[in-house]
Amino acid sequence: MKPDFKQVEIVKSFLQGENDDWLFSQSDGIRRQVFGDGVFIRGIIEFSNYCKQNCSYCGLRVPNKEIARYRLTSEEILFCVEIAEKQGIRTIVLQSGEDPYISDEWIAGLIAEIKKKYSIAITLSLGERSFETYKLWRNAGADRYLLRIETFNRKVYENARKGHYWEDRLKCIQMLKELDYETGSGFMVGLPGETIDSFADSILELTKLNLDMIGIGPFVAHPETPFKKESNGDVLLTLRTLAIVRILNPLANIPSTSALESAQKGARLTGLKVGANVIMPSLTPERVKVLYNIYPGKNATRDTTEYSIEAVRKMIGEAGLHWSDSVGGSPNWLNRKQLENTL
């Protein structure tokens, strides 16, 4: 029986470990009921680590002079997409910092070229943009968009993203939904200033957004940021959060994130066992992969792209699941489209 998670106090009790065995069993059961034993694969192509922003937690922040910057060409990106298709990956994620050099039109052209050459879904993760830009990319063929809201605590948000306002972030999410993207958001567990009360509230508020994709990962302190001396987010708390979010959002696609693995070896495998149904291996070329260093450990292992994919296949098998060759659309989004078509 699905528990009543409507009250913050109930969510808090599970976050604090009231009954982990029951919680994880329920979240895994719901995932299996909705998605079966299949795990959707999203191949991430991190095509630029330039960023104009000054976020207090991210290694790509513009004041960081210790990082070597890079941009991939469209030819390099298309080569990565070809690798993805040959490996049976049906969705790619185009991700970058908010690079002021790369034009909206260039990205739209890239999207159109990928759609022309490959039968593949495109997810974008390119930060806050205008309605017109989101519309341009949607019309070019983009299917999905990821924009993590990070927290529903306004003070914590504005401390983490100096000079930015939480309401602007929410407005972008609302614009994406209006443009009929499969829309994803989520937050970090353990951001400085977050309390158990505000975090429980964030979980409930996030659920109200009725998202198609939800990303949950621990905060991992980066040495070249103002948050360098802060404690990392707790991995067990992150797994509890993932499980609660799965129960509250049964139809959303939820990844087991690379941040989990960076925080604790083997935690990404555990994420698959407690409600996650998506894995996102990096397809970024080996020569620059380690430079997309948004947090320590991100893309730190220098192996070939093929080996990285094989490692993910092995992990899925260890979780008692299998690699799905589906394009992996969100049941939440598909149900919404079917309802619209009947009206």
C-alpha atoms as a PDB file:
ATOM      1  CA  MET A   1       0.000   0.000   0.000  1.00  0.00           C
ATOM      2  CA  LYS A   2       1.345   3.425  -0.976  1.00  0.00           C
ATOM      3  CA  PRO A   3       2.131   5.460   2.155  1.00  0.00           C
ATOM      4  CA  ASP A   4       0.691   8.894   2.815  1.00  0.00           C
ATOM      5  CA  PHE A   5       3.673  11.196   2.303  1.00  0.00           C
ATOM      6  CA  LYS A   6       1.639  14.396   2.317  1.00  0.00           C
ATOM      7  CA  GLN A   7       3.003  15.778   5.555  1.00  0.00           C
ATOM      8  CA  VAL A   8       6.523  17.125   5.999  1.00  0.00           C
ATOM      9  CA  GLU A   9       6.882  15.277   9.317  1.00  0.00           C
ATOM     10  CA  ILE A  10       6.297  11.933   7.626  1.00  0.00           C
ATOM     11  CA  VAL A  11       8.912  12.670   4.974  1.00  0.00           C
ATOM     12  CA  LYS A  12      11.325  13.805   7.698  1.00  0.00           C
ATOM     13  CA  SER A  13      10.913  10.547   9.569  1.00  0.00           C
ATOM     14  CA  PHE A  14      11.926   8.543   6.504  1.00  0.00           C
ATOM     15  CA  LEU A  15      14.824  10.890   5.753  1.00  0.00           C
ATOM     16  CA  GLN A  16      16.052  10.263   9.292  1.00  0.00           C
ATOM     17  CA  GLY A  17      15.967   6.485   8.842  1.00  0.00           C
ATOM     18  CA  GLU A  18      12.730   5.425  10.452  1.00  0.00           C
ATOM     19  CA  ASN A  19      12.458   2.256   8.335  1.00  0.00           C
ATOM     20  CA  ASP A  20      15.028   1.961   5.558  1.00  0.00           C
ATOM     21  CA  ASP A  21      14.223  -1.660   4.736  1.00  0.00           C
ATOM     22  CA  TRP A  22      10.551  -0.865   4.141  1.00  0.00           C
ATOM     23  CA  LEU A  23      11.328   2.381   2.285  1.00  0.00           C
ATOM     24  CA  PHE A  24      13.818   0.822  -0.125  1.00  0.00           C
ATOM     25  CA  SER A  25      11.626  -2.229  -0.707  1.00  0.00           C
ATOM     26  CA  GLN A  26       8.659  -0.031  -1.579  1.00  0.00           C
ATOM     27  CA  SER A  27      10.607   2.250  -3.925  1.00  0.00           C
ATOM     28  CA  ASP A  28      12.189  -0.696  -5.732  1.00  0.00           C
ATOM     29  CA  GLY A  29       8.798  -2.384  -6.052  1.00  0.00           C
ATOM     30  CA  ILE A  30       7.209   0.728  -7.560  1.00  0.00           C
ATOM     31  CA  ARG A  31      10.044   1.106 -10.062  1.00  0.00           C
ATOM     32  CA  ARG A  32       9.669  -2.538 -11.114  1.00  0.00           C
ATOM     33  CA  GLN A  33       5.899  -2.175 -11.377  1.00  0.00           C
ATOM     34  CA  VAL A  34       6.159   0.845 -13.700  1.00  0.00           C
ATOM     35  CA  PHE A  35       9.374   0.153 -15.637  1.00  0.00           C
ATOM     36  CA  GLY A  36       9.920  -3.568 -15.235  1.00  0.00           C
ATOM     37  CA  ASP A  37      13.559  -4.641 -15.027  1.00  0.00           C
ATOM     38  CA  GLY A  38      14.761  -2.364 -17.837  1.00  0.00           C
ATOM     39  CA  VAL A  39      17.199   0.494 -17.288  1.00  0.00           C
ATOM     40  CA  PHE A  40      17.237   3.374 -19.769  1.00  0.00           C
ATOM     41  CA  ILE A  41      20.639   4.607 -20.929  1.00  0.00           C
ATOM     42  CA  ARG A  42      21.388   8.267 -21.669  1.00  0.00           C
ATOM     43  CA  GLY A  43      24.763   8.983 -23.247  1.00  0.00           C
ATOM     44  CA  ILE A  44      26.041  12.372 -22.063  1.00  0.00           C
ATOM     45  CA  ILE A  45      28.153  14.512 -24.393  1.00  0.00           C
ATOM     46  CA  GLU A  46      29.683  17.365 -22.390  1.00  0.00           C
ATOM     47  CA  PHE A  47      30.639  19.629 -25.273  1.00  0.00           C
ATOM     48  CA  SER A  48      31.952  22.720 -23.467  1.00  0.00           C
ATOM     49  CA  ASN A  49      33.256  23.456 -19.984  1.00  0.00           C
ATOM     50  CA  TYR A  50      33.206  27.233 -20.453  1.00  0.00           C
ATOM     51  CA  CYS A  51      30.632  28.875 -18.215  1.00  0.00           C
ATOM     52  CA  LYS A  52      29.732  32.500 -17.538  1.00  0.00           C
ATOM     53  CA  GLN A  53      28.175  31.705 -14.161  1.00  0.00           C
ATOM     54  CA  ASN A  54      29.671  32.024 -10.692  1.00  0.00           C
ATOM     55  CA  CYS A  55      27.963  29.213  -8.774  1.00  0.00           C
ATOM     56  CA  SER A  56      29.479  28.597  -5.355  1.00  0.00           C
ATOM     57  CA  TYR A  57      29.521  24.792  -5.736  1.00  0.00           C
ATOM     58  CA  CYS A  58      30.584  24.153  -9.336  1.00  0.00           C
ATOM     59  CA  GLY A  59      34.097  23.634 -10.654  1.00  0.00           C
ATOM     60  CA  LEU A  60      33.196  25.187 -14.013  1.00  0.00           C
ATOM     61  CA  ARG A  61      32.517  28.592 -12.415  1.00  0.00           C
ATOM     62  CA  VAL A  62      34.047  31.480 -14.324  1.00  0.00           C
ATOM     63  CA  PRO A  63      36.580  32.522 -11.592  1.00  0.00           C
ATOM     64  CA  ASN A  64      38.205  29.086 -11.611  1.00  0.00           C
ATOM     65  CA  LYS A  65      41.558  29.668 -13.327  1.00  0.00           C
ATOM     66  CA  GLU A  66      42.875  26.196 -12.464  1.00  0.00           C
ATOM     67  CA  ILE A  67      40.823  24.431 -15.121  1.00  0.00           C
ATOM     68  CA  ALA A  68      41.774  24.014 -18.792  1.00  0.00           C
ATOM     69  CA  ARG A  69      38.804  25.011 -20.923  1.00  0.00           C
ATOM     70  CA  TYR A  70      37.585  23.242 -24.065  1.00  0.00           C
ATOM     71  CA  ARG A  71      34.847  23.245 -26.692  1.00  0.00           C
ATOM     72  CA  LEU A  72      33.997  20.363 -29.006  1.00  0.00           C
ATOM     73  CA  THR A  73      33.343  20.946 -32.682  1.00  0.00           C
ATOM     74  CA  SER A  74      30.088  19.840 -34.269  1.00  0.00           C
ATOM     75  CA  GLU A  75      32.027  17.071 -36.036  1.00  0.00           C
ATOM     76  CA  GLU A  76      33.345  15.764 -32.721  1.00  0.00           C
ATOM     77  CA  ILE A  77      29.860  15.827 -31.218  1.00  0.00           C
ATOM     78  CA  LEU A  78      28.373  13.985 -34.194  1.00  0.00           C
ATOM     79  CA  PHE A  79      31.087  11.342 -33.866  1.00  0.00           C
ATOM     80  CA  CYS A  80      30.050  10.826 -30.227  1.00  0.00           C
ATOM     81  CA  VAL A  81      26.417  10.457 -31.311  1.00  0.00           C
ATOM     82  CA  GLU A  82      27.463   7.839 -33.857  1.00  0.00           C
ATOM     83  CA  ILE A  83      29.227   5.877 -31.107  1.00  0.00           C
ATOM     84  CA  ALA A  84      26.066   6.086 -29.015  1.00  0.00           C
ATOM     85  CA  GLU A  85      23.869   4.712 -31.777  1.00  0.00           C
ATOM     86  CA  LYS A  86      26.293   1.882 -32.562  1.00  0.00           C
ATOM     87  CA  GLN A  87      26.297   0.928 -28.875  1.00  0.00           C
ATOM     88  CA  GLY A  88      22.493   0.773 -28.746  1.00  0.00           C
ATOM     89  CA  ILE A  89      22.021   4.028 -26.846  1.00  0.00           C
ATOM     90  CA  ARG A  90      18.747   5.653 -27.906  1.00  0.00           C
ATOM     91  CA  THR A  91      19.052   8.974 -26.038  1.00  0.00           C
ATOM     92  CA  ILE A  92      21.902  11.465 -25.916  1.00  0.00           C
ATOM     93  CA  VAL A  93      22.253  14.372 -23.508  1.00  0.00           C
ATOM     94  CA  LEU A  94      23.935  17.525 -24.812  1.00  0.00           C
ATOM     95  CA  GLN A  95      25.353  19.241 -21.752  1.00  0.00           C
ATOM     96  CA  SER A  96      27.643  22.211 -21.221  1.00  0.00           C
ATOM     97  CA  GLY A  97      28.334  25.179 -19.040  1.00  0.00           C
ATOM     98  CA  GLU A  98      26.524  28.357 -20.005  1.00  0.00           C
ATOM     99  CA  ASP A  99      29.074  29.158 -22.704  1.00  0.00           C
ATOM    100  CA  PRO A 100      28.540  32.689 -24.099  1.00  0.00           C
ATOM    101  CA  TYR A 101      30.595  31.920 -27.213  1.00  0.00           C
ATOM    102  CA  ILE A 102      28.235  29.228 -28.521  1.00  0.00           C
ATOM    103  CA  SER A 103      25.174  30.708 -30.194  1.00  0.00           C
ATOM    104  CA  ASP A 104      21.617  29.487 -29.835  1.00  0.00           C
ATOM    105  CA  GLU A 105      21.469  29.067 -33.624  1.00  0.00           C
ATOM    106  CA  TRP A 106      24.573  26.848 -33.644  1.00  0.00           C
ATOM    107  CA  ILE A 107      22.970  24.548 -31.087  1.00  0.00           C
ATOM    108  CA  ALA A 108      19.700  24.512 -33.069  1.00  0.00           C
ATOM    109  CA  GLY A 109      21.628  23.525 -36.197  1.00  0.00           C
ATOM    110  CA  LEU A 110      23.419  20.765 -34.291  1.00  0.00           C
ATOM    111  CA  ILE A 111      20.107  19.405 -32.985  1.00  0.00           C
ATOM    112  CA  ALA A 112      18.631  19.401 -36.500  1.00  0.00           C
ATOM    113  CA  GLU A 113      21.701  17.648 -37.924  1.00  0.00           C
ATOM    114  CA  ILE A 114      21.564  14.913 -35.262  1.00  0.00           C
ATOM    115  CA  LYS A 115      17.866  14.373 -35.895  1.00  0.00           C
ATOM    116  CA  LYS A 116      18.498  14.182 -39.643  1.00  0.00           C
ATOM    117  CA  LYS A 117      21.221  11.546 -39.348  1.00  0.00           C
ATOM    118  CA  TYR A 118      20.198   9.459 -36.358  1.00  0.00           C
ATOM    119  CA  SER A 119      17.047   7.942 -34.885  1.00  0.00           C
ATOM    120  CA  ILE A 120      17.757   9.153 -31.392  1.00  0.00           C
ATOM    121  CA  ALA A 121      16.147  11.278 -28.674  1.00  0.00           C
ATOM    122  CA  ILE A 122      17.902  14.491 -27.627  1.00  0.00           C
ATOM    123  CA  THR A 123      17.977  15.820 -24.087  1.00  0.00           C
ATOM    124  CA  LEU A 124      19.460  19.261 -23.460  1.00  0.00           C
ATOM    125  CA  SER A 125      21.075  20.447 -20.233  1.00  0.00           C
ATOM    126  CA  LEU A 126      22.218  23.978 -21.032  1.00  0.00           C
ATOM    127  CA  GLY A 127      21.012  26.102 -18.146  1.00  0.00           C
ATOM    128  CA  GLU A 128      18.711  29.092 -17.951  1.00  0.00           C
ATOM    129  CA  ARG A 129      17.650  30.536 -21.305  1.00  0.00           C
ATOM    130  CA  SER A 130      14.857  32.662 -22.714  1.00  0.00           C
ATOM    131  CA  PHE A 131      11.491  31.346 -23.862  1.00  0.00           C
ATOM    132  CA  GLU A 132      12.499  32.137 -27.460  1.00  0.00           C
ATOM    133  CA  THR A 133      15.675  30.078 -27.165  1.00  0.00           C
ATOM    134  CA  TYR A 134      13.894  27.108 -25.611  1.00  0.00           C
ATOM    135  CA  LYS A 135      11.319  27.331 -28.420  1.00  0.00           C
ATOM    136  CA  LEU A 136      14.038  27.486 -31.096  1.00  0.00           C
ATOM    137  CA  TRP A 137      15.646  24.313 -29.772  1.00  0.00           C
ATOM    138  CA  ARG A 138      12.318  22.529 -29.349  1.00  0.00           C
ATOM    139  CA  ASN A 139      11.386  23.333 -32.945  1.00  0.00           C
ATOM    140  CA  ALA A 140      14.798  22.099 -34.097  1.00  0.00           C
ATOM    141  CA  GLY A 141      13.982  18.679 -32.635  1.00  0.00           C
ATOM    142  CA  ALA A 142      15.058  18.629 -28.976  1.00  0.00           C
ATOM    143  CA  ASP A 143      12.872  16.237 -26.972  1.00  0.00           C
ATOM    144  CA  ARG A 144      13.822  16.790 -23.344  1.00  0.00           C
ATOM    145  CA  TYR A 145      15.410  19.355 -21.063  1.00  0.00           C
ATOM    146  CA  LEU A 146      17.098  19.036 -17.669  1.00  0.00           C
ATOM    147  CA  LEU A 147      17.302  22.052 -15.353  1.00  0.00           C
ATOM    148  CA  ARG A 148      17.885  21.259 -11.702  1.00  0.00           C
ATOM    149  CA  ILE A 149      16.302  23.722  -9.307  1.00  0.00           C
ATOM    150  CA  GLU A 150      18.783  22.488  -6.629  1.00  0.00           C
ATOM    151  CA  THR A 151      16.630  23.502  -3.628  1.00  0.00           C
ATOM    152  CA  PHE A 152      13.328  25.117  -2.738  1.00  0.00           C
ATOM    153  CA  ASN A 153      14.989  27.090   0.056  1.00  0.00           C
ATOM    154  CA  ARG A 154      15.396  30.575  -1.440  1.00  0.00           C
ATOM    155  CA  LYS A 155      18.238  31.633   0.859  1.00  0.00           C
ATOM    156  CA  VAL A 156      20.199  28.437   0.236  1.00  0.00           C
ATOM    157  CA  TYR A 157      19.664  28.848  -3.513  1.00  0.00           C
ATOM    158  CA  GLU A 158      20.826  32.459  -3.605  1.00  0.00           C
ATOM    159  CA  ASN A 159      23.903  31.569  -1.531  1.00  0.00           C
ATOM    160  CA  ALA A 160      24.734  28.749  -3.948  1.00  0.00           C
ATOM    161  CA  ARG A 161      24.050  30.816  -7.086  1.00  0.00           C
ATOM    162  CA  LYS A 162      25.191  34.348  -6.327  1.00  0.00           C
ATOM    163  CA  GLY A 163      23.305  37.022  -8.234  1.00  0.00           C
ATOM    164  CA  HIS A 164      20.482  34.689  -9.266  1.00  0.00           C
ATOM    165  CA  TYR A 165      16.950  34.256  -8.020  1.00  0.00           C
ATOM    166  CA  TRP A 166      15.103  31.042  -7.329  1.00  0.00           C
ATOM    167  CA  GLU A 167      11.933  32.371  -8.985  1.00  0.00           C
ATOM    168  CA  ASP A 168      13.786  32.766 -12.298  1.00  0.00           C
ATOM    169  CA  ARG A 169      14.814  29.120 -12.172  1.00  0.00           C
ATOM    170  CA  LEU A 170      11.254  28.015 -11.545  1.00  0.00           C
ATOM    171  CA  LYS A 171      10.020  30.213 -14.393  1.00  0.00           C
ATOM    172  CA  CYS A 172      12.393  28.419 -16.791  1.00  0.00           C
ATOM    173  CA  ILE A 173      10.998  25.034 -15.711  1.00  0.00           C
ATOM    174  CA  GLN A 174       7.489  26.306 -16.321  1.00  0.00           C
ATOM    175  CA  MET A 175       8.476  27.561 -19.789  1.00  0.00           C
ATOM    176  CA  LEU A 176       9.918  24.169 -20.693  1.00  0.00           C
ATOM    177  CA  LYS A 177       6.684  22.463 -19.694  1.00  0.00           C
ATOM    178  CA  GLU A 178       4.685  24.988 -21.718  1.00  0.00           C
ATOM    179  CA  LEU A 179       6.803  24.145 -24.778  1.00  0.00           C
ATOM    180  CA  ASP A 180       6.044  20.446 -24.287  1.00  0.00           C
ATOM    181  CA  TYR A 181       9.555  19.287 -23.503  1.00  0.00           C
ATOM    182  CA  GLU A 182       9.858  16.209 -21.365  1.00  0.00           C
ATOM    183  CA  THR A 183      10.956  18.320 -18.428  1.00  0.00           C
ATOM    184  CA  GLY A 184      13.414  17.330 -15.745  1.00  0.00           C
ATOM    185  CA  SER A 185      14.616  18.983 -12.565  1.00  0.00           C
ATOM    186  CA  GLY A 186      15.874  17.947  -9.145  1.00  0.00           C
ATOM    187  CA  PHE A 187      18.222  18.995  -6.384  1.00  0.00           C
ATOM    188  CA  MET A 188      21.406  18.366  -4.483  1.00  0.00           C
ATOM    189  CA  VAL A 189      21.334  16.688  -1.105  1.00  0.00           C
ATOM    190  CA  GLY A 190      23.366  18.493   1.537  1.00  0.00           C
ATOM    191  CA  LEU A 191      23.792  21.993   0.117  1.00  0.00           C
ATOM    192  CA  PRO A 192      25.238  24.330   2.768  1.00  0.00           C
ATOM    193  CA  GLY A 193      22.443  25.892   4.797  1.00  0.00           C
ATOM    194  CA  GLU A 194      19.849  23.222   4.054  1.00  0.00           C
ATOM    195  CA  THR A 195      18.029  21.771   7.062  1.00  0.00           C
ATOM    196  CA  ILE A 196      16.092  18.525   7.350  1.00  0.00           C
ATOM    197  CA  ASP A 197      12.893  20.561   7.551  1.00  0.00           C
ATOM    198  CA  SER A 198      13.567  22.628   4.441  1.00  0.00           C
ATOM    199  CA  PHE A 199      14.763  19.544   2.593  1.00  0.00           C
ATOM    200  CA  ALA A 200      11.611  17.580   3.405  1.00  0.00           C
ATOM    201  CA  ASP A 201       9.608  20.546   2.171  1.00  0.00           C
ATOM    202  CA  SER A 202      11.693  20.589  -1.049  1.00  0.00           C
ATOM    203  CA  ILE A 203      10.769  16.974  -1.765  1.00  0.00           C
ATOM    204  CA  LEU A 204       7.060  17.718  -1.464  1.00  0.00           C
ATOM    205  CA  GLU A 205       7.303  20.941  -3.479  1.00  0.00           C
ATOM    206  CA  LEU A 206       9.280  19.207  -6.225  1.00  0.00           C
ATOM    207  CA  THR A 207       6.561  16.573  -6.490  1.00  0.00           C
ATOM    208  CA  LYS A 208       3.972  19.283  -7.111  1.00  0.00           C
ATOM    209  CA  LEU A 209       5.795  20.234 -10.334  1.00  0.00           C
ATOM    210  CA  ASN A 210       4.689  16.919 -11.894  1.00  0.00           C
ATOM    211  CA  LEU A 211       8.052  16.377 -13.590  1.00  0.00           C
ATOM    212  CA  ASP A 212       8.947  13.827 -16.238  1.00  0.00           C
ATOM    213  CA  MET A 213      12.546  13.401 -15.041  1.00  0.00           C
ATOM    214  CA  ILE A 214      14.017  13.947 -11.577  1.00  0.00           C
ATOM    215  CA  GLY A 215      17.729  14.012 -10.738  1.00  0.00           C
ATOM    216  CA  ILE A 216      18.916  13.556  -7.150  1.00  0.00           C
ATOM    217  CA  GLY A 217      22.576  13.634  -6.163  1.00  0.00           C
ATOM    218  CA  PRO A 218      24.720  14.504  -3.147  1.00  0.00           C
ATOM    219  CA  PHE A 219      26.555  17.803  -2.878  1.00  0.00           C
ATOM    220  CA  VAL A 220      30.278  17.146  -3.450  1.00  0.00           C
ATOM    221  CA  ALA A 221      32.607  19.960  -2.393  1.00  0.00           C
ATOM    222  CA  HIS A 222      34.985  21.238  -5.095  1.00  0.00           C
ATOM    223  CA  PRO A 223      38.387  22.635  -4.002  1.00  0.00           C
ATOM    224  CA  GLU A 224      38.180  25.619  -6.392  1.00  0.00           C
ATOM    225  CA  THR A 225      34.876  26.968  -5.075  1.00  0.00           C
ATOM    226  CA  PRO A 226      33.682  28.984  -2.062  1.00  0.00           C
ATOM    227  CA  PHE A 227      32.083  25.786  -0.728  1.00  0.00           C
ATOM    228  CA  LYS A 228      35.405  23.910  -0.702  1.00  0.00           C
ATOM    229  CA  LYS A 229      35.446  23.442   3.092  1.00  0.00           C
ATOM    230  CA  GLU A 230      31.828  22.337   3.369  1.00  0.00           C
ATOM    231  CA  SER A 231      30.919  18.723   4.156  1.00  0.00           C
ATOM    232  CA  ASN A 232      29.742  16.519   1.315  1.00  0.00           C
ATOM    233  CA  GLY A 233      26.123  15.473   1.167  1.00  0.00           C
ATOM    234  CA  ASP A 234      25.400  12.220   2.980  1.00  0.00           C
ATOM    235  CA  VAL A 235      25.087   9.245   0.616  1.00  0.00           C
ATOM    236  CA  LEU A 236      22.557   7.326   2.725  1.00  0.00           C
ATOM    237  CA  LEU A 237      20.406  10.452   2.977  1.00  0.00           C
ATOM    238  CA  THR A 238      20.645  10.792  -0.811  1.00  0.00           C
ATOM    239  CA  LEU A 239      19.478   7.209  -1.290  1.00  0.00           C
ATOM    240  CA  ARG A 240      16.587   7.761   1.104  1.00  0.00           C
ATOM    241  CA  THR A 241      15.670  10.886  -0.845  1.00  0.00           C
ATOM    242  CA  LEU A 242      15.777   8.989  -4.131  1.00  0.00           C
ATOM    243  CA  ALA A 243      13.498   6.322  -2.682  1.00  0.00           C
ATOM    244  CA  ILE A 244      10.976   8.846  -1.341  1.00  0.00           C
ATOM    245  CA  VAL A 245      10.982  10.731  -4.641  1.00  0.00           C
ATOM    246  CA  ARG A 246      10.352   7.469  -6.510  1.00  0.00           C
ATOM    247  CA  ILE A 247       7.345   6.649  -4.310  1.00  0.00           C
ATOM    248  CA  LEU A 248       5.916  10.128  -4.752  1.00  0.00           C
ATOM    249  CA  ASN A 249       6.685  10.256  -8.482  1.00  0.00           C
ATOM    250  CA  PRO A 250       6.150   6.710  -9.795  1.00  0.00           C
ATOM    251  CA  LEU A 251       6.020   7.688 -13.499  1.00  0.00           C
ATOM    252  CA  ALA A 252       9.145   9.892 -13.586  1.00  0.00           C
ATOM    253  CA  ASN A 253      12.468   8.782 -15.029  1.00  0.00           C
ATOM    254  CA  ILE A 254      15.021   8.954 -12.201  1.00  0.00           C
ATOM    255  CA  PRO A 255      18.760   8.429 -12.813  1.00  0.00           C
ATOM    256  CA  SER A 256      21.261   6.939 -10.454  1.00  0.00           C
ATOM    257  CA  THR A 257      23.732   9.801 -10.766  1.00  0.00           C
ATOM    258  CA  SER A 258      27.483   9.921 -11.226  1.00  0.00           C
ATOM    259  CA  ALA A 259      27.641  12.189  -8.151  1.00  0.00           C
ATOM    260  CA  LEU A 260      26.551   9.206  -6.053  1.00  0.00           C
ATOM    261  CA  GLU A 261      29.517   7.231  -7.350  1.00  0.00           C
ATOM    262  CA  SER A 262      31.883  10.165  -6.793  1.00  0.00           C
ATOM    263  CA  ALA A 263      30.726  10.451  -3.188  1.00  0.00           C
ATOM    264  CA  GLN A 264      30.949   6.715  -2.469  1.00  0.00           C
ATOM    265  CA  LYS A 265      32.145   3.862  -4.647  1.00  0.00           C
ATOM    266  CA  GLY A 266      29.286   1.495  -5.451  1.00  0.00           C
ATOM    267  CA  ALA A 267      26.539   3.970  -4.533  1.00  0.00           C
ATOM    268  CA  ARG A 268      25.328   4.309  -8.118  1.00  0.00           C
ATOM    269  CA  LEU A 269      24.669   0.564  -8.189  1.00  0.00           C
ATOM    270  CA  THR A 270      22.727   0.907  -4.940  1.00  0.00           C
ATOM    271  CA  GLY A 271      20.703   3.724  -6.511  1.00  0.00           C
ATOM    272  CA  LEU A 272      19.435   1.276  -9.132  1.00  0.00           C
ATOM    273  CA  LYS A 273      18.254  -1.007  -6.339  1.00  0.00           C
ATOM    274  CA  VAL A 274      16.213   1.645  -4.504  1.00  0.00           C
ATOM    275  CA  GLY A 275      14.195   3.232  -7.296  1.00  0.00           C
ATOM    276  CA  ALA A 276      16.372   4.646 -10.070  1.00  0.00           C
ATOM    277  CA  ASN A 277      15.706   3.449 -13.634  1.00  0.00           C
ATOM    278  CA  VAL A 278      18.222   5.486 -15.664  1.00  0.00           C
ATOM    279  CA  ILE A 279      22.023   5.470 -16.014  1.00  0.00           C
ATOM    280  CA  MET A 280      23.921   8.215 -17.834  1.00  0.00           C
ATOM    281  CA  PRO A 281      27.447   7.249 -18.971  1.00  0.00           C
ATOM    282  CA  SER A 282      29.657   9.986 -20.372  1.00  0.00           C
ATOM    283  CA  LEU A 283      30.468   9.782 -24.096  1.00  0.00           C
ATOM    284  CA  THR A 284      32.661  12.882 -23.969  1.00  0.00           C
ATOM    285  CA  PRO A 285      35.957  12.301 -25.862  1.00  0.00           C
ATOM    286  CA  GLU A 286      38.723  10.935 -23.699  1.00  0.00           C
ATOM    287  CA  ARG A 287      41.090  13.852 -24.332  1.00  0.00           C
ATOM    288  CA  VAL A 288      38.762  16.301 -22.542  1.00  0.00           C
ATOM    289  CA  LYS A 289      36.490  14.098 -20.421  1.00  0.00           C
ATOM    290  CA  VAL A 290      38.294  14.772 -17.130  1.00  0.00           C
ATOM    291  CA  LEU A 291      38.069  18.528 -17.733  1.00  0.00           C
ATOM    292  CA  TYR A 292      34.285  18.534 -17.253  1.00  0.00           C
ATOM    293  CA  ASN A 293      35.038  18.681 -13.560  1.00  0.00           C
ATOM    294  CA  ILE A 294      31.893  20.127 -11.990  1.00  0.00           C
ATOM    295  CA  TYR A 295      32.734  18.215  -8.807  1.00  0.00           C
ATOM    296  CA  PRO A 296      35.700  16.025  -7.769  1.00  0.00           C
ATOM    297  CA  GLY A 297      35.497  12.562  -9.262  1.00  0.00           C
ATOM    298  CA  LYS A 298      33.277  13.576 -12.173  1.00  0.00           C
ATOM    299  CA  ASN A 299      34.673  11.720 -15.232  1.00  0.00           C
ATOM    300  CA  ALA A 300      37.861  11.094 -13.282  1.00  0.00           C
ATOM    301  CA  THR A 301      38.501   7.600 -14.612  1.00  0.00           C
ATOM    302  CA  ARG A 302      40.346   7.694 -17.903  1.00  0.00           C
ATOM    303  CA  ASP A 303      39.009   4.714 -19.830  1.00  0.00           C
ATOM    304  CA  THR A 304      37.833   4.350 -23.387  1.00  0.00           C
ATOM    305  CA  THR A 305      34.255   5.267 -24.190  1.00  0.00           C
ATOM    306  CA  GLU A 306      33.494   1.642 -25.025  1.00  0.00           C
ATOM    307  CA  TYR A 307      34.830   0.445 -21.695  1.00  0.00           C
ATOM    308  CA  SER A 308      32.768   3.034 -19.857  1.00  0.00           C
ATOM    309  CA  ILE A 309      29.616   1.741 -21.538  1.00  0.00           C
ATOM    310  CA  GLU A 310      30.555  -1.848 -20.772  1.00  0.00           C
ATOM    311  CA  ALA A 311      31.075  -0.902 -17.123  1.00  0.00           C
ATOM    312  CA  VAL A 312      27.527   0.461 -17.063  1.00  0.00           C
ATOM    313  CA  ARG A 313      26.181  -2.732 -18.646  1.00  0.00           C
ATOM    314  CA  LYS A 314      27.928  -4.763 -15.942  1.00  0.00           C
ATOM    315  CA  MET A 315      26.529  -2.534 -13.193  1.00  0.00           C
ATOM    316  CA  ILE A 316      22.996  -2.965 -14.492  1.00  0.00           C
ATOM    317  CA  GLY A 317      23.425  -6.736 -14.464  1.00  0.00           C
ATOM    318  CA  GLU A 318      24.759  -6.661 -10.905  1.00  0.00           C
ATOM    319  CA  ALA A 319      21.577  -4.869  -9.872  1.00  0.00           C
ATOM    320  CA  GLY A 320      19.518  -7.743 -11.290  1.00  0.00           C
ATOM    321  CA  LEU A 321      18.261  -5.548 -14.132  1.00  0.00           C
ATOM    322  CA  HIS A 322      18.828  -5.348 -17.883  1.00  0.00           C
ATOM    323  CA  TRP A 323      19.865  -2.720 -20.425  1.00  0.00           C
ATOM    324  CA  SER A 324      16.783  -1.415 -22.224  1.00  0.00           C
ATOM    325  CA  ASP A 325      17.062  -0.507 -25.902  1.00  0.00           C
ATOM    326  CA  SER A 326      13.980   1.714 -25.607  1.00  0.00           C
ATOM    327  CA  VAL A 327      14.177   5.453 -26.281  1.00  0.00           C
ATOM    328  CA  GLY A 328      12.975   5.685 -22.689  1.00  0.00           C
ATOM    329  CA  GLY A 329      10.224   8.273 -22.773  1.00  0.00           C
ATOM    330  CA  SER A 330       8.704   9.269 -19.461  1.00  0.00           C
ATOM    331  CA  PRO A 331       5.375   7.502 -18.781  1.00  0.00           C
ATOM    332  CA  ASN A 332       4.299  10.729 -17.101  1.00  0.00           C
ATOM    333  CA  TRP A 333       4.842  12.713 -20.318  1.00  0.00           C
ATOM    334  CA  LEU A 334       3.315   9.994 -22.509  1.00  0.00           C
ATOM    335  CA  ASN A 335       0.189   9.850 -20.343  1.00  0.00           C
ATOM    336  CA  ARG A 336      -0.117  13.616 -20.528  1.00  0.00           C
ATOM    337  CA  LYS A 337       0.120  13.528 -24.328  1.00  0.00           C
ATOM    338  CA  GLN A 338      -2.529  10.817 -24.581  1.00  0.00           C
ATOM    339  CA  LEU A 339      -4.849  12.869 -22.386  1.00  0.00           C
ATOM    340  CA  GLU A 340      -4.311  15.948 -24.557  1.00  0.00           C
ATOM    341  CA  ASN A 341      -5.106  13.953 -27.690  1.00  0.00           C
ATOM    342  CA  THR A 342      -8.421  12.783 -26.276  1.00  0.00           C
ATOM    343  CA  LEU A 343      -9.625  16.279 -25.378  1.00  0.00           C
END
